[in-house]
Amino acid sequence: MITTAPDPQRVREASLEELHRLRLPLPPPDFPLVWEPGDQLRLRPGPEIEARAAILNVVLARAYGLPPELGVQWLSEARLVSRLTPPEWQFVAESTGDQHAFARHVEALFALSWLLGIAMDLDPLRPADAEGLSERLPDLRQGESFEAWRRRTLVALRSASAAAQQLDLYYCLGWSLGECERRQLPPPVEANVAVQRRWALEWAVVFAGPYHGAAPGWEQVDLST
């Protein structure tokens, strides 16, 4: 459902309050907003987010030793092969790619799980393995199918507005952690947490307005700013 985005200035104020709670440096007053007043937004459909979460679950399982034939078989039976990006397919099927880089996707998967309502809190200090998250994802080693997982999972999709607020927080958090590195300050949050969770949120929250283009694919998400 398309709706009007919340007031970006008020959202930014809340983000800055959260950074203050974390005792992090605050972005400058001219730090760009993620969206402008009057922009429209929507969240990608639930089934699309479920599919992306299921794919990342397989990618992570491969990073931690799941045999490639099991990963490929599961994805084929779930009819998700066509939704993998080329790097994901090469890693899952051929073990080609940076294993450690793919393992870092656990934080992106955590953010997607929050969007689906199967992770309760996206607090930056809350670890991705909180609340037994792995038990709420498809059990690949026990052969749980994609459809069986969807049947047992009580998805309660977050609102687009709530997701946008989290996106602004993680956008600001990335700047703060970069500033900590520049000042050689000990950060309370690992940089990968901010990068990966923002990646998932940037992909899932779709804006429409004068300064927004088409919704990006997973590999096209821009995290350069």
N, C-alpha and C. Protein backbone atom coordinates (compact mmCIF):
# COMPACT_ATOMS: atom_id res chain seq x y z
N MET A 1 0.84 -1.18 0.00
CA MET A 1 0.00 0.00 0.00
C MET A 1 0.88 1.25 0.00
N ILE A 2 0.59 2.18 -0.91
CA ILE A 2 1.35 3.43 -0.99
C ILE A 2 0.75 4.44 -0.02
N THR A 3 1.64 5.12 0.71
CA THR A 3 1.19 6.11 1.69
C THR A 3 2.16 7.28 1.68
N THR A 4 1.76 8.37 2.32
CA THR A 4 2.64 9.52 2.44
C THR A 4 3.70 9.25 3.50
N ALA A 5 4.92 9.54 3.18
CA ALA A 5 6.01 9.31 4.13
C ALA A 5 5.87 10.23 5.33
N PRO A 6 6.31 9.77 6.50
CA PRO A 6 6.22 10.64 7.69
C PRO A 6 7.12 11.87 7.54
N ASP A 7 6.89 12.84 8.38
CA ASP A 7 7.67 14.08 8.36
C ASP A 7 9.15 13.74 8.56
N PRO A 8 10.00 13.98 7.56
CA PRO A 8 11.40 13.56 7.69
C PRO A 8 12.16 14.29 8.79
N GLN A 9 11.78 15.53 9.08
CA GLN A 9 12.48 16.27 10.13
C GLN A 9 12.19 15.67 11.50
N ARG A 10 10.94 15.30 11.74
CA ARG A 10 10.59 14.71 13.03
C ARG A 10 11.23 13.34 13.19
N VAL A 11 11.28 12.58 12.09
CA VAL A 11 11.95 11.28 12.12
C VAL A 11 13.43 11.47 12.42
N ARG A 12 14.04 12.47 11.78
CA ARG A 12 15.46 12.72 12.02
C ARG A 12 15.72 13.09 13.48
N GLU A 13 14.83 13.88 14.07
CA GLU A 13 14.99 14.23 15.47
C GLU A 13 14.99 12.98 16.35
N ALA A 14 14.11 12.04 16.04
CA ALA A 14 14.06 10.79 16.80
C ALA A 14 15.34 9.98 16.60
N SER A 15 15.87 9.99 15.37
CA SER A 15 17.11 9.27 15.10
C SER A 15 18.27 9.86 15.89
N LEU A 16 18.32 11.19 15.96
CA LEU A 16 19.39 11.85 16.70
C LEU A 16 19.28 11.56 18.20
N GLU A 17 18.07 11.48 18.70
CA GLU A 17 17.89 11.13 20.11
C GLU A 17 18.41 9.73 20.39
N GLU A 18 18.19 8.81 19.44
CA GLU A 18 18.67 7.45 19.61
C GLU A 18 20.21 7.41 19.58
N LEU A 19 20.81 8.16 18.68
CA LEU A 19 22.26 8.22 18.64
C LEU A 19 22.82 8.81 19.93
N HIS A 20 22.11 9.79 20.48
CA HIS A 20 22.53 10.38 21.76
C HIS A 20 22.46 9.32 22.86
N ARG A 21 21.43 8.49 22.83
CA ARG A 21 21.31 7.40 23.82
C ARG A 21 22.50 6.46 23.71
N LEU A 22 22.95 6.22 22.49
CA LEU A 22 24.07 5.32 22.26
C LEU A 22 25.42 6.01 22.49
N ARG A 23 25.38 7.31 22.84
CA ARG A 23 26.58 8.10 23.09
C ARG A 23 27.49 8.13 21.86
N LEU A 24 26.87 8.38 20.73
CA LEU A 24 27.58 8.45 19.47
C LEU A 24 27.62 9.89 18.96
N PRO A 25 28.62 10.22 18.15
CA PRO A 25 28.66 11.56 17.54
C PRO A 25 27.42 11.77 16.67
N LEU A 26 26.93 12.99 16.66
CA LEU A 26 25.74 13.31 15.88
C LEU A 26 26.12 13.89 14.53
N PRO A 27 25.39 13.53 13.47
CA PRO A 27 25.66 14.10 12.15
C PRO A 27 25.46 15.62 12.18
N PRO A 28 26.09 16.34 11.26
CA PRO A 28 25.93 17.80 11.21
C PRO A 28 24.52 18.19 10.81
N PRO A 29 24.13 19.42 11.08
CA PRO A 29 22.75 19.86 10.75
C PRO A 29 22.40 19.71 9.27
N ASP A 30 23.41 19.79 8.39
CA ASP A 30 23.12 19.70 6.96
C ASP A 30 23.22 18.26 6.44
N PHE A 31 23.27 17.28 7.33
CA PHE A 31 23.32 15.88 6.89
C PHE A 31 22.03 15.58 6.12
N PRO A 32 22.13 15.03 4.92
CA PRO A 32 20.94 14.88 4.06
C PRO A 32 19.84 14.03 4.69
N LEU A 33 18.62 14.38 4.37
CA LEU A 33 17.47 13.57 4.73
C LEU A 33 17.36 12.40 3.75
N VAL A 34 16.73 11.32 4.19
CA VAL A 34 16.55 10.16 3.32
C VAL A 34 15.43 10.41 2.32
N TRP A 35 14.43 11.19 2.73
CA TRP A 35 13.32 11.54 1.84
C TRP A 35 12.88 12.97 2.14
N GLU A 36 12.07 13.50 1.26
CA GLU A 36 11.61 14.88 1.37
C GLU A 36 10.14 14.92 1.80
N PRO A 37 9.70 16.04 2.39
CA PRO A 37 8.27 16.17 2.75
C PRO A 37 7.39 15.96 1.52
N GLY A 38 6.34 15.20 1.70
CA GLY A 38 5.41 14.94 0.61
C GLY A 38 5.74 13.72 -0.23
N ASP A 39 6.92 13.11 -0.04
CA ASP A 39 7.24 11.89 -0.77
C ASP A 39 6.28 10.77 -0.38
N GLN A 40 6.10 9.84 -1.29
CA GLN A 40 5.28 8.65 -1.04
C GLN A 40 6.20 7.47 -0.74
N LEU A 41 5.68 6.49 -0.04
CA LEU A 41 6.47 5.29 0.21
C LEU A 41 5.58 4.07 0.33
N ARG A 42 6.20 2.93 0.14
CA ARG A 42 5.55 1.65 0.33
C ARG A 42 6.60 0.64 0.76
N LEU A 43 6.14 -0.45 1.31
CA LEU A 43 7.02 -1.55 1.64
C LEU A 43 6.85 -2.62 0.56
N ARG A 44 7.94 -3.25 0.17
CA ARG A 44 7.80 -4.35 -0.78
C ARG A 44 6.81 -5.38 -0.24
N PRO A 45 6.12 -6.10 -1.10
CA PRO A 45 5.12 -7.07 -0.64
C PRO A 45 5.73 -8.12 0.29
N GLY A 46 4.92 -8.59 1.22
CA GLY A 46 5.38 -9.60 2.17
C GLY A 46 6.02 -10.81 1.52
N PRO A 47 5.37 -11.42 0.49
CA PRO A 47 5.98 -12.60 -0.14
C PRO A 47 7.36 -12.32 -0.73
N GLU A 48 7.57 -11.10 -1.22
CA GLU A 48 8.88 -10.75 -1.77
C GLU A 48 9.93 -10.67 -0.67
N ILE A 49 9.55 -10.12 0.48
CA ILE A 49 10.48 -10.04 1.61
C ILE A 49 10.73 -11.44 2.17
N GLU A 50 9.70 -12.27 2.23
CA GLU A 50 9.88 -13.65 2.68
C GLU A 50 10.86 -14.39 1.77
N ALA A 51 10.73 -14.21 0.47
CA ALA A 51 11.62 -14.88 -0.48
C ALA A 51 13.06 -14.43 -0.28
N ARG A 52 13.27 -13.12 -0.11
CA ARG A 52 14.64 -12.62 0.07
C ARG A 52 15.22 -13.13 1.38
N ALA A 53 14.40 -13.20 2.44
CA ALA A 53 14.88 -13.74 3.71
C ALA A 53 15.25 -15.22 3.56
N ALA A 54 14.44 -15.97 2.84
CA ALA A 54 14.72 -17.39 2.64
C ALA A 54 16.01 -17.58 1.86
N ILE A 55 16.24 -16.74 0.86
CA ILE A 55 17.48 -16.83 0.08
C ILE A 55 18.68 -16.53 0.96
N LEU A 56 18.62 -15.46 1.75
CA LEU A 56 19.75 -15.14 2.62
C LEU A 56 19.98 -16.23 3.66
N ASN A 57 18.92 -16.89 4.07
CA ASN A 57 19.07 -18.00 5.01
C ASN A 57 19.89 -19.13 4.39
N VAL A 58 19.65 -19.41 3.11
CA VAL A 58 20.43 -20.44 2.42
C VAL A 58 21.87 -19.96 2.23
N VAL A 59 22.05 -18.71 1.85
CA VAL A 59 23.40 -18.17 1.67
C VAL A 59 24.20 -18.28 2.97
N LEU A 60 23.58 -17.93 4.08
CA LEU A 60 24.26 -18.03 5.37
C LEU A 60 24.57 -19.48 5.72
N ALA A 61 23.61 -20.36 5.46
CA ALA A 61 23.85 -21.78 5.74
C ALA A 61 25.02 -22.31 4.94
N ARG A 62 25.14 -21.88 3.68
CA ARG A 62 26.28 -22.28 2.86
C ARG A 62 27.58 -21.74 3.44
N ALA A 63 27.53 -20.50 3.96
CA ALA A 63 28.73 -19.91 4.56
C ALA A 63 29.18 -20.68 5.79
N TYR A 64 28.25 -21.38 6.42
CA TYR A 64 28.58 -22.13 7.63
C TYR A 64 28.55 -23.64 7.40
N GLY A 65 28.71 -24.05 6.14
CA GLY A 65 28.98 -25.46 5.89
C GLY A 65 27.89 -26.30 5.27
N LEU A 66 26.73 -25.73 4.95
CA LEU A 66 25.70 -26.52 4.27
C LEU A 66 26.24 -26.95 2.90
N PRO A 67 26.12 -28.24 2.56
CA PRO A 67 26.62 -28.69 1.25
C PRO A 67 25.90 -27.98 0.10
N PRO A 68 26.62 -27.66 -0.97
CA PRO A 68 26.01 -26.92 -2.08
C PRO A 68 24.81 -27.63 -2.70
N GLU A 69 24.86 -28.96 -2.80
CA GLU A 69 23.74 -29.67 -3.42
C GLU A 69 22.46 -29.53 -2.62
N LEU A 70 22.59 -29.42 -1.29
CA LEU A 70 21.39 -29.24 -0.47
C LEU A 70 20.83 -27.83 -0.64
N GLY A 71 21.72 -26.86 -0.71
CA GLY A 71 21.26 -25.48 -0.92
C GLY A 71 20.56 -25.33 -2.25
N VAL A 72 21.15 -25.86 -3.31
CA VAL A 72 20.56 -25.76 -4.64
C VAL A 72 19.23 -26.50 -4.70
N GLN A 73 19.18 -27.67 -4.11
CA GLN A 73 17.94 -28.45 -4.12
C GLN A 73 16.82 -27.71 -3.40
N TRP A 74 17.15 -27.14 -2.25
CA TRP A 74 16.12 -26.43 -1.48
C TRP A 74 15.59 -25.24 -2.27
N LEU A 75 16.48 -24.47 -2.85
CA LEU A 75 16.07 -23.30 -3.62
C LEU A 75 15.26 -23.71 -4.85
N SER A 76 15.65 -24.79 -5.48
CA SER A 76 14.92 -25.27 -6.66
C SER A 76 13.50 -25.68 -6.29
N GLU A 77 13.38 -26.44 -5.21
CA GLU A 77 12.05 -26.89 -4.78
C GLU A 77 11.19 -25.71 -4.34
N ALA A 78 11.82 -24.66 -3.81
CA ALA A 78 11.09 -23.46 -3.39
C ALA A 78 10.80 -22.52 -4.57
N ARG A 79 11.34 -22.85 -5.75
CA ARG A 79 11.19 -22.00 -6.94
C ARG A 79 11.73 -20.60 -6.71
N LEU A 80 12.90 -20.55 -6.09
CA LEU A 80 13.52 -19.27 -5.77
C LEU A 80 14.83 -19.05 -6.52
N VAL A 81 15.25 -20.02 -7.32
CA VAL A 81 16.54 -19.89 -7.99
C VAL A 81 16.62 -18.62 -8.82
N SER A 82 15.55 -18.29 -9.51
CA SER A 82 15.57 -17.12 -10.39
C SER A 82 15.68 -15.81 -9.62
N ARG A 83 15.45 -15.84 -8.32
CA ARG A 83 15.49 -14.62 -7.51
C ARG A 83 16.86 -14.38 -6.89
N LEU A 84 17.78 -15.32 -7.02
CA LEU A 84 19.12 -15.10 -6.52
C LEU A 84 19.86 -14.14 -7.43
N THR A 85 20.73 -13.33 -6.84
CA THR A 85 21.61 -12.51 -7.66
C THR A 85 22.72 -13.41 -8.20
N PRO A 86 23.38 -13.01 -9.29
CA PRO A 86 24.48 -13.83 -9.82
C PRO A 86 25.55 -14.17 -8.77
N PRO A 87 26.01 -13.20 -7.94
CA PRO A 87 27.00 -13.58 -6.91
C PRO A 87 26.45 -14.60 -5.91
N GLU A 88 25.18 -14.47 -5.55
CA GLU A 88 24.60 -15.43 -4.62
C GLU A 88 24.57 -16.83 -5.23
N TRP A 89 24.15 -16.91 -6.49
CA TRP A 89 24.07 -18.22 -7.14
C TRP A 89 25.46 -18.85 -7.26
N GLN A 90 26.44 -18.07 -7.63
CA GLN A 90 27.80 -18.60 -7.75
C GLN A 90 28.32 -19.09 -6.41
N PHE A 91 27.96 -18.40 -5.34
CA PHE A 91 28.41 -18.83 -4.01
C PHE A 91 27.68 -20.09 -3.57
N VAL A 92 26.37 -20.10 -3.73
CA VAL A 92 25.58 -21.25 -3.27
C VAL A 92 25.91 -22.50 -4.07
N ALA A 93 25.94 -22.38 -5.38
CA ALA A 93 26.09 -23.56 -6.24
C ALA A 93 27.54 -23.96 -6.47
N GLU A 94 28.46 -22.97 -6.47
CA GLU A 94 29.83 -23.25 -6.87
C GLU A 94 30.87 -22.88 -5.82
N SER A 95 30.44 -22.37 -4.68
CA SER A 95 31.35 -21.94 -3.61
C SER A 95 32.32 -20.86 -4.07
N THR A 96 31.87 -20.06 -5.03
CA THR A 96 32.70 -18.97 -5.55
C THR A 96 32.31 -17.67 -4.85
N GLY A 97 33.28 -16.99 -4.27
CA GLY A 97 33.00 -15.72 -3.60
C GLY A 97 33.61 -15.69 -2.21
N ASP A 98 33.46 -14.56 -1.56
CA ASP A 98 34.04 -14.33 -0.23
C ASP A 98 33.08 -14.88 0.83
N GLN A 99 33.45 -16.01 1.41
CA GLN A 99 32.62 -16.65 2.42
C GLN A 99 32.32 -15.72 3.59
N HIS A 100 33.33 -14.98 4.03
CA HIS A 100 33.14 -14.10 5.19
C HIS A 100 32.19 -12.94 4.85
N ALA A 101 32.26 -12.44 3.63
CA ALA A 101 31.36 -11.37 3.23
C ALA A 101 29.92 -11.85 3.23
N PHE A 102 29.70 -13.05 2.73
CA PHE A 102 28.33 -13.59 2.72
C PHE A 102 27.85 -13.89 4.14
N ALA A 103 28.75 -14.31 5.02
CA ALA A 103 28.36 -14.58 6.41
C ALA A 103 27.89 -13.31 7.10
N ARG A 104 28.41 -12.16 6.67
CA ARG A 104 28.00 -10.90 7.31
C ARG A 104 26.54 -10.55 7.01
N HIS A 105 25.93 -11.24 6.05
CA HIS A 105 24.53 -10.98 5.73
C HIS A 105 23.57 -11.35 6.87
N VAL A 106 24.10 -11.94 7.94
CA VAL A 106 23.23 -12.28 9.07
C VAL A 106 22.51 -11.04 9.58
N GLU A 107 23.17 -9.87 9.52
CA GLU A 107 22.53 -8.65 10.01
C GLU A 107 21.44 -8.18 9.05
N ALA A 108 21.66 -8.35 7.75
CA ALA A 108 20.61 -8.02 6.78
C ALA A 108 19.41 -8.94 6.97
N LEU A 109 19.68 -10.21 7.21
CA LEU A 109 18.60 -11.17 7.45
C LEU A 109 17.83 -10.81 8.71
N PHE A 110 18.53 -10.32 9.72
CA PHE A 110 17.86 -9.91 10.95
C PHE A 110 16.90 -8.75 10.67
N ALA A 111 17.34 -7.79 9.85
CA ALA A 111 16.47 -6.66 9.51
C ALA A 111 15.26 -7.12 8.71
N LEU A 112 15.46 -8.04 7.78
CA LEU A 112 14.33 -8.57 7.02
C LEU A 112 13.36 -9.31 7.94
N SER A 113 13.90 -10.03 8.91
CA SER A 113 13.06 -10.74 9.86
C SER A 113 12.25 -9.77 10.71
N TRP A 114 12.87 -8.64 11.04
CA TRP A 114 12.12 -7.60 11.77
C TRP A 114 10.98 -7.08 10.90
N LEU A 115 11.25 -6.84 9.63
CA LEU A 115 10.20 -6.36 8.72
C LEU A 115 9.04 -7.34 8.66
N LEU A 116 9.36 -8.63 8.75
CA LEU A 116 8.32 -9.66 8.69
C LEU A 116 7.62 -9.86 10.03
N GLY A 117 8.15 -9.23 11.07
CA GLY A 117 7.55 -9.36 12.39
C GLY A 117 7.95 -10.61 13.14
N ILE A 118 9.02 -11.29 12.70
CA ILE A 118 9.47 -12.49 13.42
C ILE A 118 10.72 -12.19 14.25
N ALA A 119 11.20 -10.97 14.19
CA ALA A 119 12.18 -10.45 15.15
C ALA A 119 11.53 -9.21 15.76
N MET A 120 11.56 -9.13 17.07
CA MET A 120 10.73 -8.15 17.75
C MET A 120 11.35 -6.77 17.86
N ASP A 121 12.68 -6.67 17.80
CA ASP A 121 13.32 -5.39 18.12
C ASP A 121 14.55 -5.21 17.25
N LEU A 122 14.66 -4.07 16.57
CA LEU A 122 15.80 -3.78 15.71
C LEU A 122 16.75 -2.79 16.38
N ASP A 123 16.75 -2.75 17.69
CA ASP A 123 17.68 -1.92 18.43
C ASP A 123 19.11 -2.22 17.96
N PRO A 124 19.91 -1.19 17.65
CA PRO A 124 21.27 -1.44 17.19
C PRO A 124 22.11 -2.27 18.16
N LEU A 125 21.78 -2.22 19.44
CA LEU A 125 22.54 -2.98 20.43
C LEU A 125 22.06 -4.41 20.56
N ARG A 126 20.97 -4.74 19.89
CA ARG A 126 20.42 -6.09 20.00
C ARG A 126 21.08 -6.99 18.96
N PRO A 127 21.68 -8.09 19.39
CA PRO A 127 22.38 -8.96 18.44
C PRO A 127 21.42 -9.69 17.51
N ALA A 128 21.94 -10.04 16.34
CA ALA A 128 21.11 -10.69 15.33
C ALA A 128 20.62 -12.05 15.77
N ASP A 129 21.32 -12.70 16.69
CA ASP A 129 20.90 -14.03 17.13
C ASP A 129 19.96 -13.99 18.32
N ALA A 130 19.45 -12.78 18.63
CA ALA A 130 18.52 -12.65 19.76
C ALA A 130 17.23 -13.41 19.49
N GLU A 131 16.59 -13.82 20.58
CA GLU A 131 15.25 -14.43 20.51
C GLU A 131 15.21 -15.73 19.71
N GLY A 132 16.35 -16.42 19.61
CA GLY A 132 16.35 -17.67 18.85
C GLY A 132 15.90 -17.49 17.43
N LEU A 133 16.44 -16.47 16.76
CA LEU A 133 15.98 -16.14 15.41
C LEU A 133 16.13 -17.31 14.45
N SER A 134 17.24 -18.06 14.57
CA SER A 134 17.46 -19.17 13.63
C SER A 134 16.32 -20.18 13.67
N GLU A 135 15.67 -20.31 14.83
CA GLU A 135 14.56 -21.26 14.95
C GLU A 135 13.32 -20.76 14.23
N ARG A 136 13.28 -19.49 13.90
CA ARG A 136 12.11 -18.93 13.21
C ARG A 136 12.30 -18.85 11.71
N LEU A 137 13.44 -19.35 11.24
CA LEU A 137 13.74 -19.37 9.81
C LEU A 137 13.66 -20.81 9.29
N PRO A 138 13.62 -21.02 7.99
CA PRO A 138 13.51 -22.39 7.46
C PRO A 138 14.63 -23.28 7.99
N ASP A 139 14.25 -24.45 8.48
CA ASP A 139 15.22 -25.42 9.00
C ASP A 139 15.71 -26.27 7.84
N LEU A 140 16.82 -25.86 7.25
CA LEU A 140 17.31 -26.51 6.04
C LEU A 140 17.81 -27.91 6.29
N ARG A 141 18.48 -28.13 7.40
CA ARG A 141 19.05 -29.44 7.67
C ARG A 141 17.97 -30.48 7.96
N GLN A 142 16.82 -30.03 8.43
CA GLN A 142 15.69 -30.94 8.66
C GLN A 142 14.77 -31.02 7.44
N GLY A 143 15.14 -30.33 6.38
CA GLY A 143 14.38 -30.42 5.14
C GLY A 143 13.07 -29.66 5.14
N GLU A 144 12.93 -28.67 6.02
CA GLU A 144 11.69 -27.90 6.03
C GLU A 144 11.59 -27.09 4.74
N SER A 145 10.50 -27.24 4.03
CA SER A 145 10.32 -26.56 2.75
C SER A 145 9.97 -25.09 2.96
N PHE A 146 10.10 -24.33 1.88
CA PHE A 146 9.74 -22.92 1.92
C PHE A 146 8.28 -22.75 2.29
N GLU A 147 7.41 -23.54 1.67
CA GLU A 147 5.97 -23.42 1.95
C GLU A 147 5.65 -23.86 3.37
N ALA A 148 6.32 -24.91 3.88
CA ALA A 148 6.08 -25.34 5.25
C ALA A 148 6.50 -24.26 6.23
N TRP A 149 7.63 -23.59 5.94
CA TRP A 149 8.06 -22.49 6.80
C TRP A 149 7.05 -21.36 6.77
N ARG A 150 6.55 -21.03 5.60
CA ARG A 150 5.58 -19.94 5.51
C ARG A 150 4.31 -20.27 6.28
N ARG A 151 3.92 -21.54 6.27
CA ARG A 151 2.70 -21.93 7.00
C ARG A 151 2.87 -21.82 8.50
N ARG A 152 4.07 -22.12 9.00
CA ARG A 152 4.26 -22.08 10.46
C ARG A 152 4.67 -20.71 10.98
N THR A 153 4.99 -19.81 10.08
CA THR A 153 5.48 -18.48 10.48
C THR A 153 4.33 -17.49 10.49
N LEU A 154 4.14 -16.86 11.63
CA LEU A 154 3.09 -15.86 11.75
C LEU A 154 3.65 -14.50 11.37
N VAL A 155 3.64 -14.22 10.08
CA VAL A 155 4.18 -12.96 9.59
C VAL A 155 3.23 -11.81 9.93
N ALA A 156 3.80 -10.76 10.49
CA ALA A 156 3.04 -9.54 10.78
C ALA A 156 3.87 -8.38 10.23
N LEU A 157 3.67 -8.09 8.96
CA LEU A 157 4.51 -7.13 8.26
C LEU A 157 4.46 -5.76 8.92
N ARG A 158 5.65 -5.17 9.11
CA ARG A 158 5.72 -3.82 9.68
C ARG A 158 5.12 -2.81 8.72
N SER A 159 4.74 -1.67 9.25
CA SER A 159 4.25 -0.60 8.40
C SER A 159 5.41 0.04 7.64
N ALA A 160 5.10 0.60 6.49
CA ALA A 160 6.13 1.28 5.71
C ALA A 160 6.71 2.45 6.50
N SER A 161 5.87 3.13 7.27
CA SER A 161 6.34 4.27 8.06
C SER A 161 7.35 3.83 9.12
N ALA A 162 7.05 2.73 9.82
CA ALA A 162 7.98 2.23 10.84
C ALA A 162 9.30 1.81 10.20
N ALA A 163 9.21 1.19 9.04
CA ALA A 163 10.43 0.76 8.34
C ALA A 163 11.26 1.97 7.91
N ALA A 164 10.60 3.02 7.43
CA ALA A 164 11.32 4.23 7.01
C ALA A 164 12.02 4.88 8.20
N GLN A 165 11.38 4.86 9.35
CA GLN A 165 12.01 5.44 10.54
C GLN A 165 13.28 4.67 10.91
N GLN A 166 13.23 3.35 10.80
CA GLN A 166 14.43 2.56 11.07
C GLN A 166 15.51 2.83 10.02
N LEU A 167 15.10 3.01 8.78
CA LEU A 167 16.05 3.32 7.72
C LEU A 167 16.80 4.62 8.03
N ASP A 168 16.08 5.64 8.46
CA ASP A 168 16.74 6.90 8.78
C ASP A 168 17.72 6.72 9.93
N LEU A 169 17.33 5.94 10.94
CA LEU A 169 18.23 5.70 12.07
C LEU A 169 19.52 5.04 11.60
N TYR A 170 19.40 4.00 10.78
CA TYR A 170 20.60 3.28 10.37
C TYR A 170 21.42 4.08 9.36
N TYR A 171 20.78 4.96 8.63
CA TYR A 171 21.50 5.88 7.76
C TYR A 171 22.38 6.80 8.59
N CYS A 172 21.80 7.36 9.64
CA CYS A 172 22.56 8.23 10.54
C CYS A 172 23.61 7.44 11.32
N LEU A 173 23.27 6.24 11.71
CA LEU A 173 24.20 5.41 12.48
C LEU A 173 25.47 5.14 11.68
N GLY A 174 25.33 4.92 10.38
CA GLY A 174 26.51 4.70 9.55
C GLY A 174 27.46 5.87 9.61
N TRP A 175 26.92 7.09 9.54
CA TRP A 175 27.77 8.29 9.64
C TRP A 175 28.47 8.33 11.00
N SER A 176 27.71 8.07 12.07
CA SER A 176 28.27 8.16 13.41
C SER A 176 29.40 7.16 13.62
N LEU A 177 29.23 5.95 13.11
CA LEU A 177 30.27 4.95 13.28
C LEU A 177 31.51 5.31 12.45
N GLY A 178 31.31 5.91 11.28
CA GLY A 178 32.44 6.40 10.51
C GLY A 178 33.20 7.49 11.24
N GLU A 179 32.44 8.35 11.92
CA GLU A 179 33.07 9.42 12.70
C GLU A 179 33.83 8.85 13.89
N CYS A 180 33.30 7.81 14.51
CA CYS A 180 34.01 7.14 15.60
C CYS A 180 35.36 6.60 15.11
N GLU A 181 35.33 6.01 13.93
CA GLU A 181 36.58 5.48 13.36
C GLU A 181 37.57 6.62 13.09
N ARG A 182 37.05 7.73 12.56
CA ARG A 182 37.93 8.87 12.26
C ARG A 182 38.56 9.43 13.53
N ARG A 183 37.76 9.48 14.61
CA ARG A 183 38.26 10.04 15.87
C ARG A 183 38.95 8.99 16.74
N GLN A 184 38.97 7.75 16.27
CA GLN A 184 39.53 6.63 17.03
C GLN A 184 38.83 6.45 18.37
N LEU A 185 37.50 6.51 18.30
CA LEU A 185 36.66 6.28 19.48
C LEU A 185 36.13 4.85 19.44
N PRO A 186 35.98 4.20 20.59
CA PRO A 186 35.43 2.83 20.59
C PRO A 186 33.93 2.86 20.31
N PRO A 187 33.46 2.25 19.23
CA PRO A 187 32.03 2.30 18.91
C PRO A 187 31.26 1.25 19.71
N PRO A 188 30.01 1.56 20.10
CA PRO A 188 29.20 0.58 20.80
C PRO A 188 28.55 -0.44 19.87
N VAL A 189 28.65 -0.19 18.57
CA VAL A 189 28.00 -1.04 17.57
C VAL A 189 29.02 -1.32 16.46
N GLU A 190 29.06 -2.56 15.98
CA GLU A 190 29.96 -2.88 14.87
C GLU A 190 29.45 -2.23 13.59
N ALA A 191 30.39 -1.80 12.75
CA ALA A 191 30.01 -1.13 11.50
C ALA A 191 29.15 -2.04 10.63
N ASN A 192 29.42 -3.34 10.66
CA ASN A 192 28.66 -4.27 9.82
C ASN A 192 27.18 -4.28 10.17
N VAL A 193 26.87 -4.04 11.44
CA VAL A 193 25.46 -3.99 11.86
C VAL A 193 24.74 -2.87 11.11
N ALA A 194 25.36 -1.70 11.07
CA ALA A 194 24.74 -0.55 10.40
C ALA A 194 24.65 -0.79 8.90
N VAL A 195 25.71 -1.30 8.31
CA VAL A 195 25.74 -1.48 6.85
C VAL A 195 24.71 -2.50 6.40
N GLN A 196 24.71 -3.65 7.02
CA GLN A 196 23.85 -4.73 6.56
C GLN A 196 22.37 -4.47 6.85
N ARG A 197 22.07 -3.92 8.01
CA ARG A 197 20.67 -3.63 8.32
C ARG A 197 20.16 -2.51 7.42
N ARG A 198 21.00 -1.52 7.17
CA ARG A 198 20.58 -0.46 6.25
C ARG A 198 20.37 -1.04 4.85
N TRP A 199 21.22 -1.96 4.42
CA TRP A 199 21.09 -2.59 3.11
C TRP A 199 19.69 -3.18 2.96
N ALA A 200 19.27 -3.97 3.95
CA ALA A 200 17.96 -4.61 3.89
C ALA A 200 16.84 -3.57 3.88
N LEU A 201 16.97 -2.54 4.70
CA LEU A 201 15.93 -1.51 4.78
C LEU A 201 15.87 -0.67 3.50
N GLU A 202 17.03 -0.33 2.95
CA GLU A 202 17.06 0.43 1.68
C GLU A 202 16.37 -0.36 0.57
N TRP A 203 16.55 -1.67 0.58
CA TRP A 203 15.93 -2.51 -0.44
C TRP A 203 14.42 -2.62 -0.23
N ALA A 204 14.00 -2.74 1.01
CA ALA A 204 12.59 -3.04 1.31
C ALA A 204 11.69 -1.82 1.27
N VAL A 205 12.23 -0.64 1.62
CA VAL A 205 11.42 0.58 1.66
C VAL A 205 11.55 1.28 0.31
N VAL A 206 10.45 1.47 -0.37
CA VAL A 206 10.45 2.04 -1.71
C VAL A 206 9.80 3.42 -1.66
N PHE A 207 10.56 4.44 -2.06
CA PHE A 207 10.06 5.81 -2.07
C PHE A 207 9.67 6.23 -3.48
N ALA A 208 8.75 7.18 -3.55
CA ALA A 208 8.37 7.80 -4.82
C ALA A 208 8.35 9.31 -4.60
N GLY A 209 9.05 10.02 -5.44
CA GLY A 209 9.13 11.47 -5.33
C GLY A 209 10.10 12.01 -6.34
N PRO A 210 10.28 13.33 -6.37
CA PRO A 210 11.13 13.97 -7.39
C PRO A 210 12.57 13.48 -7.38
N TYR A 211 13.07 13.03 -6.23
CA TYR A 211 14.49 12.67 -6.13
C TYR A 211 14.71 11.16 -5.99
N HIS A 212 13.69 10.37 -6.27
CA HIS A 212 13.80 8.93 -6.13
C HIS A 212 13.60 8.26 -7.49
N GLY A 213 14.43 7.28 -7.77
CA GLY A 213 14.29 6.51 -9.00
C GLY A 213 13.52 5.22 -8.75
N ALA A 214 13.70 4.27 -9.64
CA ALA A 214 13.02 2.98 -9.52
C ALA A 214 13.60 2.20 -8.34
N ALA A 215 12.79 1.30 -7.81
CA ALA A 215 13.24 0.46 -6.70
C ALA A 215 14.45 -0.37 -7.14
N PRO A 216 15.52 -0.37 -6.35
CA PRO A 216 16.74 -1.09 -6.76
C PRO A 216 16.63 -2.59 -6.52
N GLY A 217 17.37 -3.36 -7.31
CA GLY A 217 17.54 -4.76 -7.00
C GLY A 217 18.46 -4.92 -5.80
N TRP A 218 18.55 -6.14 -5.28
CA TRP A 218 19.34 -6.36 -4.06
C TRP A 218 20.78 -5.90 -4.23
N GLU A 219 21.39 -6.21 -5.36
CA GLU A 219 22.78 -5.84 -5.57
C GLU A 219 22.95 -4.38 -6.00
N GLN A 220 21.84 -3.70 -6.30
CA GLN A 220 21.92 -2.31 -6.75
C GLN A 220 21.69 -1.30 -5.64
N VAL A 221 21.47 -1.77 -4.42
CA VAL A 221 21.26 -0.85 -3.31
C VAL A 221 22.52 0.01 -3.13
N ASP A 222 22.31 1.32 -3.03
CA ASP A 222 23.41 2.28 -2.94
C ASP A 222 23.69 2.61 -1.46
N LEU A 223 24.83 2.19 -0.97
CA LEU A 223 25.22 2.47 0.42
C LEU A 223 26.41 3.41 0.47
N SER A 224 26.64 4.15 -0.61
CA SER A 224 27.83 4.99 -0.70
C SER A 224 27.73 6.27 0.12
N THR A 225 26.53 6.69 0.48
CA THR A 225 26.40 7.94 1.25
C THR A 225 26.05 7.65 2.68
